[in-house]
Amino acid sequence: MPQLDPTWFVSQFFWLCICFFTMLFLMSKIFIPKISDILEQRQRKIDDYLVKANQLKEQAEESLKKYQEALAKATAEANLSIESTRKEMNEYIAKKQNDLSDKLSKRLEEGESKINEAHKKAVNDVKNMAQNLALDVAAKIGVEHLAADDVKDTIAQLVKK
């Protein structure tokens, strides 16, 4: 094997040094700076994305806070509106119930007065019919000296009892 032959050691060492230092030079001057630039650009992009993400997160939190405040305000306004509407409806219902109660009371009074008038008229009609009947019966059985005023007074006394 030629690489183990000591006569070739110097030549091999020479070419080893030439290749090593050439590779070292190429790596340090060309490849590593390019890789370093790419890594720096990548890190800058990542940092920019993180900054933008934090800004967006803050905007989202602010928007959420505004939304929650608006929702709370709208809920409070809706509750006030519901409460005022409930009060108005209760007042309206109470008013309508009072109006209805008044109308029913008036109708009830009118009905009672009509019933009382009808009752009085019926009693008077019954009295008149009883008087006429009593006079007719008395005439048919032969009592002729019976006066209509006497029959009227007698029937009036009987109806009062």
N, C-alpha and C. Protein backbone atom coordinates (compact mmCIF):
# COMPACT_ATOMS: atom_id res chain seq x y z
N MET A 1 0.84 -1.18 0.00
CA MET A 1 0.00 0.00 0.00
C MET A 1 0.88 1.24 0.00
N PRO A 2 0.63 2.09 -0.96
CA PRO A 2 1.52 3.23 -1.11
C PRO A 2 1.36 4.26 0.02
N GLN A 3 0.22 4.38 0.61
CA GLN A 3 0.05 5.37 1.65
C GLN A 3 0.82 5.02 2.92
N LEU A 4 1.19 3.78 3.06
CA LEU A 4 1.97 3.38 4.23
C LEU A 4 3.47 3.38 3.94
N ASP A 5 3.80 3.65 2.74
CA ASP A 5 5.23 3.68 2.37
C ASP A 5 5.79 5.02 2.83
N PRO A 6 6.86 5.04 3.64
CA PRO A 6 7.39 6.28 4.19
C PRO A 6 7.97 7.20 3.11
N THR A 7 8.29 6.75 1.98
CA THR A 7 8.82 7.62 0.95
C THR A 7 7.76 8.58 0.43
N TRP A 8 6.58 8.23 0.54
CA TRP A 8 5.49 9.07 0.05
C TRP A 8 4.87 9.94 1.15
N PHE A 9 5.36 9.87 2.33
CA PHE A 9 4.76 10.62 3.44
C PHE A 9 4.83 12.12 3.21
N VAL A 10 5.96 12.60 2.74
CA VAL A 10 6.14 14.04 2.55
C VAL A 10 5.20 14.53 1.45
N SER A 11 5.12 13.82 0.39
CA SER A 11 4.24 14.20 -0.71
C SER A 11 2.77 14.18 -0.26
N GLN A 12 2.44 13.16 0.47
CA GLN A 12 1.06 13.04 0.96
C GLN A 12 0.75 14.15 1.96
N PHE A 13 1.73 14.45 2.81
CA PHE A 13 1.54 15.51 3.79
C PHE A 13 1.38 16.85 3.08
N PHE A 14 2.17 17.09 2.05
CA PHE A 14 2.10 18.32 1.28
C PHE A 14 0.70 18.49 0.68
N TRP A 15 0.27 17.46 -0.02
CA TRP A 15 -1.05 17.56 -0.66
C TRP A 15 -2.19 17.59 0.38
N LEU A 16 -1.98 16.96 1.46
CA LEU A 16 -2.96 17.05 2.55
C LEU A 16 -3.08 18.49 3.03
N CYS A 17 -1.95 19.13 3.24
CA CYS A 17 -1.96 20.53 3.70
C CYS A 17 -2.57 21.44 2.64
N ILE A 18 -2.21 21.23 1.39
CA ILE A 18 -2.77 22.05 0.31
C ILE A 18 -4.28 21.87 0.26
N CYS A 19 -4.73 20.68 0.27
CA CYS A 19 -6.21 20.42 0.20
C CYS A 19 -6.90 20.94 1.45
N PHE A 20 -6.30 20.71 2.61
CA PHE A 20 -6.92 21.14 3.85
C PHE A 20 -7.04 22.66 3.89
N PHE A 21 -5.95 23.36 3.60
CA PHE A 21 -5.99 24.81 3.68
C PHE A 21 -6.84 25.42 2.57
N THR A 22 -6.88 24.78 1.42
CA THR A 22 -7.76 25.25 0.35
C THR A 22 -9.23 25.10 0.79
N MET A 23 -9.53 23.96 1.33
CA MET A 23 -10.90 23.73 1.81
C MET A 23 -11.24 24.68 2.97
N LEU A 24 -10.25 24.89 3.83
CA LEU A 24 -10.45 25.81 4.95
C LEU A 24 -10.69 27.22 4.44
N PHE A 25 -9.89 27.64 3.47
CA PHE A 25 -10.06 28.96 2.89
C PHE A 25 -11.42 29.09 2.21
N LEU A 26 -11.78 28.10 1.39
CA LEU A 26 -13.07 28.14 0.69
C LEU A 26 -14.23 28.16 1.70
N MET A 27 -14.11 27.36 2.70
CA MET A 27 -15.18 27.30 3.71
C MET A 27 -15.30 28.63 4.45
N SER A 28 -14.18 29.18 4.87
CA SER A 28 -14.24 30.40 5.67
C SER A 28 -14.61 31.63 4.86
N LYS A 29 -14.25 31.68 3.61
CA LYS A 29 -14.50 32.87 2.80
C LYS A 29 -15.76 32.78 1.94
N ILE A 30 -16.22 31.61 1.61
CA ILE A 30 -17.35 31.50 0.69
C ILE A 30 -18.55 30.82 1.34
N PHE A 31 -18.37 29.60 1.78
CA PHE A 31 -19.52 28.80 2.22
C PHE A 31 -20.06 29.22 3.58
N ILE A 32 -19.21 29.40 4.55
CA ILE A 32 -19.67 29.75 5.90
C ILE A 32 -20.34 31.12 5.91
N PRO A 33 -19.80 32.16 5.22
CA PRO A 33 -20.53 33.43 5.22
C PRO A 33 -21.91 33.34 4.57
N LYS A 34 -22.00 32.57 3.50
CA LYS A 34 -23.32 32.40 2.87
C LYS A 34 -24.28 31.71 3.83
N ILE A 35 -23.82 30.66 4.47
CA ILE A 35 -24.67 29.94 5.43
C ILE A 35 -25.03 30.87 6.59
N SER A 36 -24.05 31.64 7.04
CA SER A 36 -24.28 32.57 8.14
C SER A 36 -25.31 33.63 7.74
N ASP A 37 -25.19 34.17 6.51
CA ASP A 37 -26.17 35.15 6.04
C ASP A 37 -27.57 34.54 5.95
N ILE A 38 -27.64 33.34 5.44
CA ILE A 38 -28.94 32.66 5.35
C ILE A 38 -29.53 32.46 6.74
N LEU A 39 -28.71 32.05 7.71
CA LEU A 39 -29.20 31.84 9.08
C LEU A 39 -29.65 33.18 9.71
N GLU A 40 -28.88 34.25 9.45
CA GLU A 40 -29.26 35.56 9.98
C GLU A 40 -30.58 36.04 9.37
N GLN A 41 -30.71 35.89 8.05
CA GLN A 41 -31.96 36.27 7.40
C GLN A 41 -33.13 35.47 7.95
N ARG A 42 -32.89 34.22 8.14
CA ARG A 42 -33.93 33.34 8.69
C ARG A 42 -34.32 33.79 10.09
N GLN A 43 -33.31 34.09 10.91
CA GLN A 43 -33.58 34.54 12.28
C GLN A 43 -34.32 35.87 12.27
N ARG A 44 -33.93 36.81 11.36
CA ARG A 44 -34.63 38.09 11.26
C ARG A 44 -36.10 37.87 10.86
N LYS A 45 -36.34 36.99 9.92
CA LYS A 45 -37.73 36.70 9.51
C LYS A 45 -38.51 36.11 10.68
N ILE A 46 -37.89 35.19 11.37
CA ILE A 46 -38.57 34.58 12.52
C ILE A 46 -38.88 35.64 13.57
N ASP A 47 -37.91 36.52 13.85
CA ASP A 47 -38.14 37.60 14.82
C ASP A 47 -39.24 38.54 14.35
N ASP A 48 -39.22 38.88 13.04
CA ASP A 48 -40.29 39.73 12.49
C ASP A 48 -41.65 39.06 12.63
N TYR A 49 -41.70 37.77 12.34
CA TYR A 49 -42.97 37.04 12.46
C TYR A 49 -43.43 37.01 13.91
N LEU A 50 -42.49 36.84 14.83
CA LEU A 50 -42.87 36.83 16.25
C LEU A 50 -43.38 38.20 16.68
N VAL A 51 -42.74 39.28 16.21
CA VAL A 51 -43.20 40.63 16.55
C VAL A 51 -44.60 40.86 15.97
N LYS A 52 -44.78 40.48 14.70
CA LYS A 52 -46.10 40.63 14.08
C LYS A 52 -47.15 39.79 14.81
N ALA A 53 -46.77 38.58 15.20
CA ALA A 53 -47.71 37.71 15.92
C ALA A 53 -48.08 38.33 17.26
N ASN A 54 -47.12 38.91 17.95
CA ASN A 54 -47.44 39.58 19.22
C ASN A 54 -48.34 40.78 19.00
N GLN A 55 -48.06 41.55 17.93
CA GLN A 55 -48.92 42.69 17.63
C GLN A 55 -50.34 42.23 17.31
N LEU A 56 -50.44 41.19 16.51
CA LEU A 56 -51.77 40.67 16.17
C LEU A 56 -52.48 40.12 17.40
N LYS A 57 -51.70 39.49 18.28
CA LYS A 57 -52.28 38.96 19.52
C LYS A 57 -52.82 40.10 20.38
N GLU A 58 -52.05 41.19 20.49
CA GLU A 58 -52.49 42.34 21.27
C GLU A 58 -53.74 42.97 20.64
N GLN A 59 -53.74 43.07 19.29
CA GLN A 59 -54.91 43.61 18.61
C GLN A 59 -56.12 42.72 18.84
N ALA A 60 -55.91 41.41 18.79
CA ALA A 60 -57.02 40.48 19.00
C ALA A 60 -57.54 40.58 20.43
N GLU A 61 -56.63 40.70 21.40
CA GLU A 61 -57.05 40.84 22.79
C GLU A 61 -57.81 42.15 22.99
N GLU A 62 -57.32 43.22 22.35
CA GLU A 62 -58.00 44.51 22.44
C GLU A 62 -59.38 44.44 21.80
N SER A 63 -59.44 43.79 20.65
CA SER A 63 -60.74 43.64 19.97
C SER A 63 -61.69 42.80 20.81
N LEU A 64 -61.16 41.74 21.43
CA LEU A 64 -61.99 40.90 22.29
C LEU A 64 -62.49 41.70 23.48
N LYS A 65 -61.62 42.53 24.05
CA LYS A 65 -62.02 43.35 25.19
C LYS A 65 -63.11 44.34 24.77
N LYS A 66 -62.93 44.99 23.62
CA LYS A 66 -63.95 45.91 23.13
C LYS A 66 -65.26 45.19 22.86
N TYR A 67 -65.16 43.99 22.26
CA TYR A 67 -66.36 43.20 21.98
C TYR A 67 -67.08 42.85 23.27
N GLN A 68 -66.31 42.42 24.29
CA GLN A 68 -66.94 42.06 25.55
C GLN A 68 -67.58 43.28 26.22
N GLU A 69 -66.92 44.43 26.12
CA GLU A 69 -67.50 45.65 26.69
C GLU A 69 -68.78 46.03 25.95
N ALA A 70 -68.72 45.94 24.62
CA ALA A 70 -69.91 46.27 23.82
C ALA A 70 -71.04 45.28 24.12
N LEU A 71 -70.68 44.02 24.28
CA LEU A 71 -71.69 43.00 24.59
C LEU A 71 -72.29 43.25 25.96
N ALA A 72 -71.45 43.60 26.93
CA ALA A 72 -71.96 43.89 28.27
C ALA A 72 -72.87 45.13 28.23
N LYS A 73 -72.45 46.14 27.49
CA LYS A 73 -73.26 47.35 27.37
C LYS A 73 -74.59 47.06 26.70
N ALA A 74 -74.53 46.28 25.60
CA ALA A 74 -75.77 45.93 24.89
C ALA A 74 -76.69 45.09 25.77
N THR A 75 -76.09 44.18 26.53
CA THR A 75 -76.89 43.34 27.44
C THR A 75 -77.56 44.20 28.50
N ALA A 76 -76.80 45.15 29.05
CA ALA A 76 -77.37 46.04 30.07
C ALA A 76 -78.50 46.88 29.48
N GLU A 77 -78.28 47.41 28.28
CA GLU A 77 -79.33 48.20 27.62
C GLU A 77 -80.55 47.34 27.32
N ALA A 78 -80.30 46.12 26.87
CA ALA A 78 -81.42 45.22 26.57
C ALA A 78 -82.19 44.91 27.85
N ASN A 79 -81.47 44.67 28.94
CA ASN A 79 -82.15 44.39 30.21
C ASN A 79 -82.97 45.59 30.67
N LEU A 80 -82.41 46.79 30.51
CA LEU A 80 -83.18 47.99 30.88
C LEU A 80 -84.41 48.14 29.99
N SER A 81 -84.22 47.89 28.72
CA SER A 81 -85.34 47.99 27.79
C SER A 81 -86.41 46.96 28.13
N ILE A 82 -85.98 45.75 28.42
CA ILE A 82 -86.94 44.69 28.79
C ILE A 82 -87.67 45.08 30.06
N GLU A 83 -86.92 45.61 31.03
CA GLU A 83 -87.55 45.98 32.31
C GLU A 83 -88.55 47.12 32.10
N SER A 84 -88.17 48.12 31.30
CA SER A 84 -89.10 49.23 31.08
C SER A 84 -90.32 48.75 30.29
N THR A 85 -90.10 47.88 29.32
CA THR A 85 -91.22 47.33 28.56
C THR A 85 -92.13 46.51 29.48
N ARG A 86 -91.52 45.74 30.37
CA ARG A 86 -92.30 44.94 31.32
C ARG A 86 -93.16 45.86 32.20
N LYS A 87 -92.56 46.96 32.68
CA LYS A 87 -93.31 47.90 33.51
C LYS A 87 -94.45 48.52 32.72
N GLU A 88 -94.14 48.93 31.49
CA GLU A 88 -95.18 49.53 30.65
C GLU A 88 -96.31 48.54 30.40
N MET A 89 -95.94 47.30 30.12
CA MET A 89 -96.97 46.29 29.85
C MET A 89 -97.80 46.02 31.11
N ASN A 90 -97.14 45.97 32.27
CA ASN A 90 -97.89 45.76 33.51
C ASN A 90 -98.85 46.92 33.77
N GLU A 91 -98.37 48.15 33.52
CA GLU A 91 -99.25 49.31 33.69
C GLU A 91 -100.40 49.27 32.69
N TYR A 92 -100.09 48.90 31.46
CA TYR A 92 -101.12 48.81 30.42
C TYR A 92 -102.15 47.75 30.79
N ILE A 93 -101.65 46.59 31.24
CA ILE A 93 -102.56 45.51 31.64
C ILE A 93 -103.43 45.94 32.81
N ALA A 94 -102.81 46.61 33.80
CA ALA A 94 -103.58 47.07 34.96
C ALA A 94 -104.64 48.07 34.53
N LYS A 95 -104.26 48.98 33.62
CA LYS A 95 -105.22 49.97 33.13
C LYS A 95 -106.37 49.28 32.41
N LYS A 96 -106.03 48.33 31.53
CA LYS A 96 -107.08 47.63 30.78
C LYS A 96 -107.96 46.83 31.72
N GLN A 97 -107.36 46.22 32.76
CA GLN A 97 -108.16 45.46 33.72
C GLN A 97 -109.11 46.40 34.48
N ASN A 98 -108.59 47.57 34.86
CA ASN A 98 -109.45 48.54 35.56
C ASN A 98 -110.58 49.02 34.64
N ASP A 99 -110.23 49.31 33.38
CA ASP A 99 -111.26 49.73 32.43
C ASP A 99 -112.31 48.64 32.26
N LEU A 100 -111.84 47.41 32.12
CA LEU A 100 -112.77 46.28 31.95
C LEU A 100 -113.61 46.11 33.21
N SER A 101 -112.97 46.25 34.36
CA SER A 101 -113.71 46.12 35.61
C SER A 101 -114.78 47.21 35.72
N ASP A 102 -114.41 48.43 35.32
CA ASP A 102 -115.40 49.53 35.35
C ASP A 102 -116.55 49.25 34.38
N LYS A 103 -116.20 48.80 33.17
CA LYS A 103 -117.26 48.49 32.19
C LYS A 103 -118.17 47.38 32.69
N LEU A 104 -117.54 46.35 33.26
CA LEU A 104 -118.35 45.24 33.78
C LEU A 104 -119.23 45.69 34.94
N SER A 105 -118.68 46.56 35.79
CA SER A 105 -119.49 47.07 36.92
C SER A 105 -120.68 47.86 36.39
N LYS A 106 -120.41 48.71 35.37
CA LYS A 106 -121.52 49.49 34.80
C LYS A 106 -122.56 48.57 34.18
N ARG A 107 -122.10 47.58 33.44
CA ARG A 107 -123.05 46.66 32.82
C ARG A 107 -123.82 45.88 33.89
N LEU A 108 -123.10 45.49 34.93
CA LEU A 108 -123.75 44.76 36.02
C LEU A 108 -124.82 45.64 36.67
N GLU A 109 -124.49 46.90 36.91
CA GLU A 109 -125.48 47.82 37.48
C GLU A 109 -126.66 48.02 36.54
N GLU A 110 -126.35 48.17 35.24
CA GLU A 110 -127.43 48.33 34.26
C GLU A 110 -128.30 47.08 34.23
N GLY A 111 -127.63 45.92 34.27
CA GLY A 111 -128.40 44.66 34.26
C GLY A 111 -129.25 44.52 35.51
N GLU A 112 -128.67 44.87 36.65
CA GLU A 112 -129.44 44.79 37.89
C GLU A 112 -130.63 45.76 37.86
N SER A 113 -130.38 46.98 37.33
CA SER A 113 -131.51 47.94 37.27
C SER A 113 -132.58 47.43 36.31
N LYS A 114 -132.17 46.83 35.18
CA LYS A 114 -133.16 46.28 34.25
C LYS A 114 -133.92 45.13 34.90
N ILE A 115 -133.18 44.29 35.63
CA ILE A 115 -133.85 43.17 36.32
C ILE A 115 -134.82 43.71 37.36
N ASN A 116 -134.40 44.73 38.12
CA ASN A 116 -135.30 45.32 39.12
C ASN A 116 -136.54 45.93 38.47
N GLU A 117 -136.32 46.63 37.34
CA GLU A 117 -137.47 47.21 36.62
C GLU A 117 -138.39 46.11 36.11
N ALA A 118 -137.76 45.05 35.55
CA ALA A 118 -138.58 43.93 35.05
C ALA A 118 -139.32 43.26 36.20
N HIS A 119 -138.65 43.15 37.37
CA HIS A 119 -139.28 42.54 38.54
C HIS A 119 -140.46 43.39 39.00
N LYS A 120 -140.25 44.71 39.05
CA LYS A 120 -141.34 45.60 39.47
C LYS A 120 -142.49 45.52 38.48
N LYS A 121 -142.13 45.52 37.20
CA LYS A 121 -143.18 45.45 36.18
C LYS A 121 -143.94 44.12 36.30
N ALA A 122 -143.16 43.02 36.52
CA ALA A 122 -143.80 41.71 36.65
C ALA A 122 -144.70 41.67 37.89
N VAL A 123 -144.23 42.27 38.99
CA VAL A 123 -145.05 42.30 40.21
C VAL A 123 -146.31 43.11 39.96
N ASN A 124 -146.17 44.26 39.30
CA ASN A 124 -147.34 45.08 38.99
C ASN A 124 -148.29 44.33 38.06
N ASP A 125 -147.70 43.64 37.05
CA ASP A 125 -148.55 42.87 36.16
C ASP A 125 -149.28 41.76 36.92
N VAL A 126 -148.53 41.11 37.83
CA VAL A 126 -149.16 40.04 38.63
C VAL A 126 -150.26 40.63 39.51
N LYS A 127 -149.98 41.79 40.09
CA LYS A 127 -151.01 42.44 40.92
C LYS A 127 -152.25 42.75 40.08
N ASN A 128 -152.01 43.35 38.91
CA ASN A 128 -153.14 43.70 38.05
C ASN A 128 -153.89 42.44 37.62
N MET A 129 -153.12 41.39 37.26
CA MET A 129 -153.78 40.15 36.83
C MET A 129 -154.55 39.53 38.01
N ALA A 130 -153.92 39.61 39.21
CA ALA A 130 -154.60 39.05 40.40
C ALA A 130 -155.87 39.85 40.71
N GLN A 131 -155.81 41.15 40.56
CA GLN A 131 -156.99 41.98 40.81
C GLN A 131 -158.08 41.65 39.79
N ASN A 132 -157.70 41.60 38.52
CA ASN A 132 -158.67 41.29 37.49
C ASN A 132 -159.24 39.89 37.70
N LEU A 133 -158.38 38.95 38.04
CA LEU A 133 -158.83 37.59 38.27
C LEU A 133 -159.79 37.52 39.48
N ALA A 134 -159.40 38.23 40.55
CA ALA A 134 -160.25 38.24 41.75
C ALA A 134 -161.62 38.86 41.45
N LEU A 135 -161.62 39.93 40.68
CA LEU A 135 -162.88 40.57 40.33
C LEU A 135 -163.71 39.65 39.43
N ASP A 136 -163.05 39.00 38.48
CA ASP A 136 -163.77 38.07 37.60
C ASP A 136 -164.33 36.89 38.39
N VAL A 137 -163.51 36.36 39.29
CA VAL A 137 -163.98 35.22 40.09
C VAL A 137 -165.16 35.66 40.97
N ALA A 138 -165.02 36.84 41.58
CA ALA A 138 -166.09 37.34 42.44
C ALA A 138 -167.35 37.57 41.64
N ALA A 139 -167.24 38.07 40.41
CA ALA A 139 -168.40 38.32 39.57
C ALA A 139 -169.04 37.00 39.18
N LYS A 140 -168.23 35.98 38.93
CA LYS A 140 -168.79 34.71 38.51
C LYS A 140 -169.46 33.97 39.66
N ILE A 141 -168.94 34.16 40.85
CA ILE A 141 -169.59 33.47 41.97
C ILE A 141 -170.74 34.30 42.55
N GLY A 142 -170.95 35.45 42.06
CA GLY A 142 -172.12 36.23 42.41
C GLY A 142 -171.88 37.32 43.43
N VAL A 143 -170.67 37.64 43.75
CA VAL A 143 -170.39 38.74 44.68
C VAL A 143 -170.24 39.99 43.83
N GLU A 144 -171.24 40.90 43.98
CA GLU A 144 -171.21 42.06 43.12
C GLU A 144 -170.89 43.34 43.89
N HIS A 145 -170.97 43.32 45.16
CA HIS A 145 -170.72 44.55 45.91
C HIS A 145 -169.23 44.73 46.25
N LEU A 146 -168.33 43.89 45.64
CA LEU A 146 -166.88 43.96 45.88
C LEU A 146 -166.31 45.09 45.04
N ALA A 147 -165.62 46.01 45.71
CA ALA A 147 -165.05 47.17 45.01
C ALA A 147 -163.62 46.84 44.56
N ALA A 148 -163.23 47.41 43.45
CA ALA A 148 -161.90 47.17 42.88
C ALA A 148 -160.81 47.70 43.81
N ASP A 149 -161.07 48.80 44.52
CA ASP A 149 -160.08 49.37 45.44
C ASP A 149 -159.84 48.43 46.61
N ASP A 150 -160.87 47.76 47.11
CA ASP A 150 -160.71 46.82 48.22
C ASP A 150 -159.86 45.63 47.78
N VAL A 151 -160.11 45.14 46.60
CA VAL A 151 -159.34 44.00 46.08
C VAL A 151 -157.88 44.43 45.90
N LYS A 152 -157.69 45.64 45.41
CA LYS A 152 -156.35 46.15 45.16
C LYS A 152 -155.58 46.25 46.47
N ASP A 153 -156.19 46.76 47.52
CA ASP A 153 -155.54 46.90 48.82
C ASP A 153 -155.23 45.53 49.41
N THR A 154 -156.11 44.59 49.27
CA THR A 154 -155.92 43.25 49.82
C THR A 154 -154.75 42.56 49.11
N ILE A 155 -154.71 42.66 47.81
CA ILE A 155 -153.62 42.03 47.03
C ILE A 155 -152.29 42.70 47.35
N ALA A 156 -152.29 44.03 47.52
CA ALA A 156 -151.06 44.74 47.86
C ALA A 156 -150.53 44.28 49.20
N GLN A 157 -151.42 44.01 50.16
CA GLN A 157 -151.00 43.54 51.46
C GLN A 157 -150.46 42.12 51.36
N LEU A 158 -151.06 41.29 50.52
CA LEU A 158 -150.58 39.93 50.40
C LEU A 158 -149.20 39.87 49.69
N VAL A 159 -149.00 40.74 48.74
CA VAL A 159 -147.74 40.73 48.00
C VAL A 159 -146.61 41.23 48.89
N LYS A 160 -146.89 42.17 49.80
CA LYS A 160 -145.86 42.69 50.68
C LYS A 160 -145.34 41.62 51.63
N LYS A 161 -146.17 40.70 52.00
CA LYS A 161 -145.77 39.67 52.95
C LYS A 161 -144.90 38.72 52.23
